[in-house]
Amino acid sequence: MTAERRVTVSRRPVALGRSRDWFDPDDGGPDVPAIVGRQLRQALLTVGAVAALLAGVPVIAVWVPAPWAWFALSLAVQGGWVVLAVLQLRRAERLER
């Protein structure tokens, strides 16, 4: 029979697959202001893309005077907003890891 050996861990280890670049080395916890800053920069890029999409629709509609253009553009804009929202959510979640 072998004797059981107990090991004392002084702090919780980092989960596998997690990067330690945003951890505070003093306490091992996440650096929340850094994470929020990165997410804010990403959100501002997404807002800029949405604004460009929104401002570009009337410009494109002026160049294409066909009556079906507004219908096609409205569908394209809605699809673009959904894609941008999904990308924003994925990037924000990735920045938290």
C-alpha atoms as a PDB file:
ATOM      1  CA  MET A   1       0.000   0.000   0.000  1.00  0.00           C
ATOM      2  CA  THR A   2       1.182   3.465  -0.773  1.00  0.00           C
ATOM      3  CA  ALA A   3       0.514   6.409   1.476  1.00  0.00           C
ATOM      4  CA  GLU A   4      -1.580   9.257   0.112  1.00  0.00           C
ATOM      5  CA  ARG A   5       0.224  12.512  -0.334  1.00  0.00           C
ATOM      6  CA  ARG A   6      -1.551  15.835   0.112  1.00  0.00           C
ATOM      7  CA  VAL A   7      -0.473  18.921  -1.775  1.00  0.00           C
ATOM      8  CA  THR A   8      -1.443  22.446  -0.753  1.00  0.00           C
ATOM      9  CA  VAL A   9      -2.107  24.894  -3.584  1.00  0.00           C
ATOM     10  CA  SER A  10      -1.654  28.534  -2.644  1.00  0.00           C
ATOM     11  CA  ARG A  11      -3.718  29.970  -5.524  1.00  0.00           C
ATOM     12  CA  ARG A  12      -6.104  28.706  -8.096  1.00  0.00           C
ATOM     13  CA  PRO A  13      -4.378  27.644 -11.342  1.00  0.00           C
ATOM     14  CA  VAL A  14      -5.371  29.167 -14.673  1.00  0.00           C
ATOM     15  CA  ALA A  15      -7.789  27.087 -16.724  1.00  0.00           C
ATOM     16  CA  LEU A  16      -6.285  25.312 -19.702  1.00  0.00           C
ATOM     17  CA  GLY A  17      -6.465  27.275 -22.920  1.00  0.00           C
ATOM     18  CA  ARG A  18      -6.682  30.646 -21.210  1.00  0.00           C
ATOM     19  CA  SER A  19      -4.210  33.376 -21.940  1.00  0.00           C
ATOM     20  CA  ARG A  20      -2.533  35.096 -19.009  1.00  0.00           C
ATOM     21  CA  ASP A  21      -1.770  38.359 -20.829  1.00  0.00           C
ATOM     22  CA  TRP A  22      -4.713  40.212 -19.250  1.00  0.00           C
ATOM     23  CA  PHE A  23      -4.219  38.872 -15.739  1.00  0.00           C
ATOM     24  CA  ASP A  24      -2.889  41.101 -13.025  1.00  0.00           C
ATOM     25  CA  PRO A  25       0.322  39.471 -11.783  1.00  0.00           C
ATOM     26  CA  ASP A  26      -0.223  40.766  -8.231  1.00  0.00           C
ATOM     27  CA  ASP A  27      -3.412  38.908  -7.403  1.00  0.00           C
ATOM     28  CA  GLY A  28      -3.965  36.558 -10.327  1.00  0.00           C
ATOM     29  CA  GLY A  29      -7.350  38.106 -11.125  1.00  0.00           C
ATOM     30  CA  PRO A  30      -8.444  39.606 -14.412  1.00  0.00           C
ATOM     31  CA  ASP A  31      -7.517  43.176 -15.255  1.00  0.00           C
ATOM     32  CA  VAL A  32     -11.087  44.387 -15.775  1.00  0.00           C
ATOM     33  CA  PRO A  33     -10.288  47.906 -17.070  1.00  0.00           C
ATOM     34  CA  ALA A  34      -8.053  46.416 -19.761  1.00  0.00           C
ATOM     35  CA  ILE A  35     -10.777  44.006 -20.856  1.00  0.00           C
ATOM     36  CA  VAL A  36     -13.410  46.753 -20.910  1.00  0.00           C
ATOM     37  CA  GLY A  37     -11.081  49.018 -22.900  1.00  0.00           C
ATOM     38  CA  ARG A  38     -10.493  46.344 -25.530  1.00  0.00           C
ATOM     39  CA  GLN A  39     -14.205  45.623 -25.758  1.00  0.00           C
ATOM     40  CA  LEU A  40     -14.957  49.347 -26.074  1.00  0.00           C
ATOM     41  CA  ARG A  41     -12.501  49.720 -28.956  1.00  0.00           C
ATOM     42  CA  GLN A  42     -14.092  46.730 -30.659  1.00  0.00           C
ATOM     43  CA  ALA A  43     -17.588  48.134 -30.091  1.00  0.00           C
ATOM     44  CA  LEU A  44     -16.570  51.490 -31.578  1.00  0.00           C
ATOM     45  CA  LEU A  45     -15.329  49.718 -34.699  1.00  0.00           C
ATOM     46  CA  THR A  46     -18.676  47.938 -34.959  1.00  0.00           C
ATOM     47  CA  VAL A  47     -20.569  51.215 -34.480  1.00  0.00           C
ATOM     48  CA  GLY A  48     -18.476  52.742 -37.274  1.00  0.00           C
ATOM     49  CA  ALA A  49     -19.314  49.837 -39.580  1.00  0.00           C
ATOM     50  CA  VAL A  50     -23.031  50.165 -38.786  1.00  0.00           C
ATOM     51  CA  ALA A  51     -22.903  53.926 -39.423  1.00  0.00           C
ATOM     52  CA  ALA A  52     -21.142  53.378 -42.748  1.00  0.00           C
ATOM     53  CA  LEU A  53     -23.737  50.785 -43.686  1.00  0.00           C
ATOM     54  CA  LEU A  54     -26.576  53.093 -42.716  1.00  0.00           C
ATOM     55  CA  ALA A  55     -25.118  56.126 -44.508  1.00  0.00           C
ATOM     56  CA  GLY A  56     -24.211  54.102 -47.579  1.00  0.00           C
ATOM     57  CA  VAL A  57     -27.721  52.882 -48.313  1.00  0.00           C
ATOM     58  CA  PRO A  58     -29.139  56.221 -49.527  1.00  0.00           C
ATOM     59  CA  VAL A  59     -25.996  56.874 -51.561  1.00  0.00           C
ATOM     60  CA  ILE A  60     -26.300  53.527 -53.317  1.00  0.00           C
ATOM     61  CA  ALA A  61     -30.036  54.045 -53.828  1.00  0.00           C
ATOM     62  CA  VAL A  62     -29.359  57.348 -55.612  1.00  0.00           C
ATOM     63  CA  TRP A  63     -27.021  55.598 -58.039  1.00  0.00           C
ATOM     64  CA  VAL A  64     -29.545  52.814 -58.707  1.00  0.00           C
ATOM     65  CA  PRO A  65     -32.891  54.553 -59.303  1.00  0.00           C
ATOM     66  CA  ALA A  66     -34.828  51.339 -59.930  1.00  0.00           C
ATOM     67  CA  PRO A  67     -37.839  50.857 -57.625  1.00  0.00           C
ATOM     68  CA  TRP A  68     -36.633  47.438 -56.478  1.00  0.00           C
ATOM     69  CA  ALA A  69     -33.351  48.932 -55.216  1.00  0.00           C
ATOM     70  CA  TRP A  70     -34.825  50.125 -51.915  1.00  0.00           C
ATOM     71  CA  PHE A  71     -36.334  46.719 -51.261  1.00  0.00           C
ATOM     72  CA  ALA A  72     -33.082  44.907 -52.019  1.00  0.00           C
ATOM     73  CA  LEU A  73     -31.048  47.399 -49.994  1.00  0.00           C
ATOM     74  CA  SER A  74     -33.343  47.119 -46.988  1.00  0.00           C
ATOM     75  CA  LEU A  75     -32.904  43.341 -46.969  1.00  0.00           C
ATOM     76  CA  ALA A  76     -29.141  43.673 -47.397  1.00  0.00           C
ATOM     77  CA  VAL A  77     -28.888  46.185 -44.550  1.00  0.00           C
ATOM     78  CA  GLN A  78     -30.823  43.968 -42.171  1.00  0.00           C
ATOM     79  CA  GLY A  79     -28.615  41.023 -43.034  1.00  0.00           C
ATOM     80  CA  GLY A  80     -25.519  43.180 -42.595  1.00  0.00           C
ATOM     81  CA  TRP A  81     -26.658  44.309 -39.151  1.00  0.00           C
ATOM     82  CA  VAL A  82     -27.225  40.719 -38.072  1.00  0.00           C
ATOM     83  CA  VAL A  83     -23.748  39.715 -39.287  1.00  0.00           C
ATOM     84  CA  LEU A  84     -22.149  42.690 -37.509  1.00  0.00           C
ATOM     85  CA  ALA A  85     -24.000  41.880 -34.283  1.00  0.00           C
ATOM     86  CA  VAL A  86     -22.856  38.261 -34.339  1.00  0.00           C
ATOM     87  CA  LEU A  87     -19.259  39.288 -35.052  1.00  0.00           C
ATOM     88  CA  GLN A  88     -19.347  41.868 -32.258  1.00  0.00           C
ATOM     89  CA  LEU A  89     -20.645  39.309 -29.768  1.00  0.00           C
ATOM     90  CA  ARG A  90     -18.035  36.713 -30.737  1.00  0.00           C
ATOM     91  CA  ARG A  91     -15.174  39.206 -30.523  1.00  0.00           C
ATOM     92  CA  ALA A  92     -16.332  40.570 -27.170  1.00  0.00           C
ATOM     93  CA  GLU A  93     -16.587  37.048 -25.754  1.00  0.00           C
ATOM     94  CA  ARG A  94     -13.150  36.178 -27.132  1.00  0.00           C
ATOM     95  CA  LEU A  95     -11.651  39.245 -25.464  1.00  0.00           C
ATOM     96  CA  GLU A  96     -13.003  38.100 -22.098  1.00  0.00           C
ATOM     97  CA  ARG A  97     -11.190  34.785 -22.283  1.00  0.00           C
END
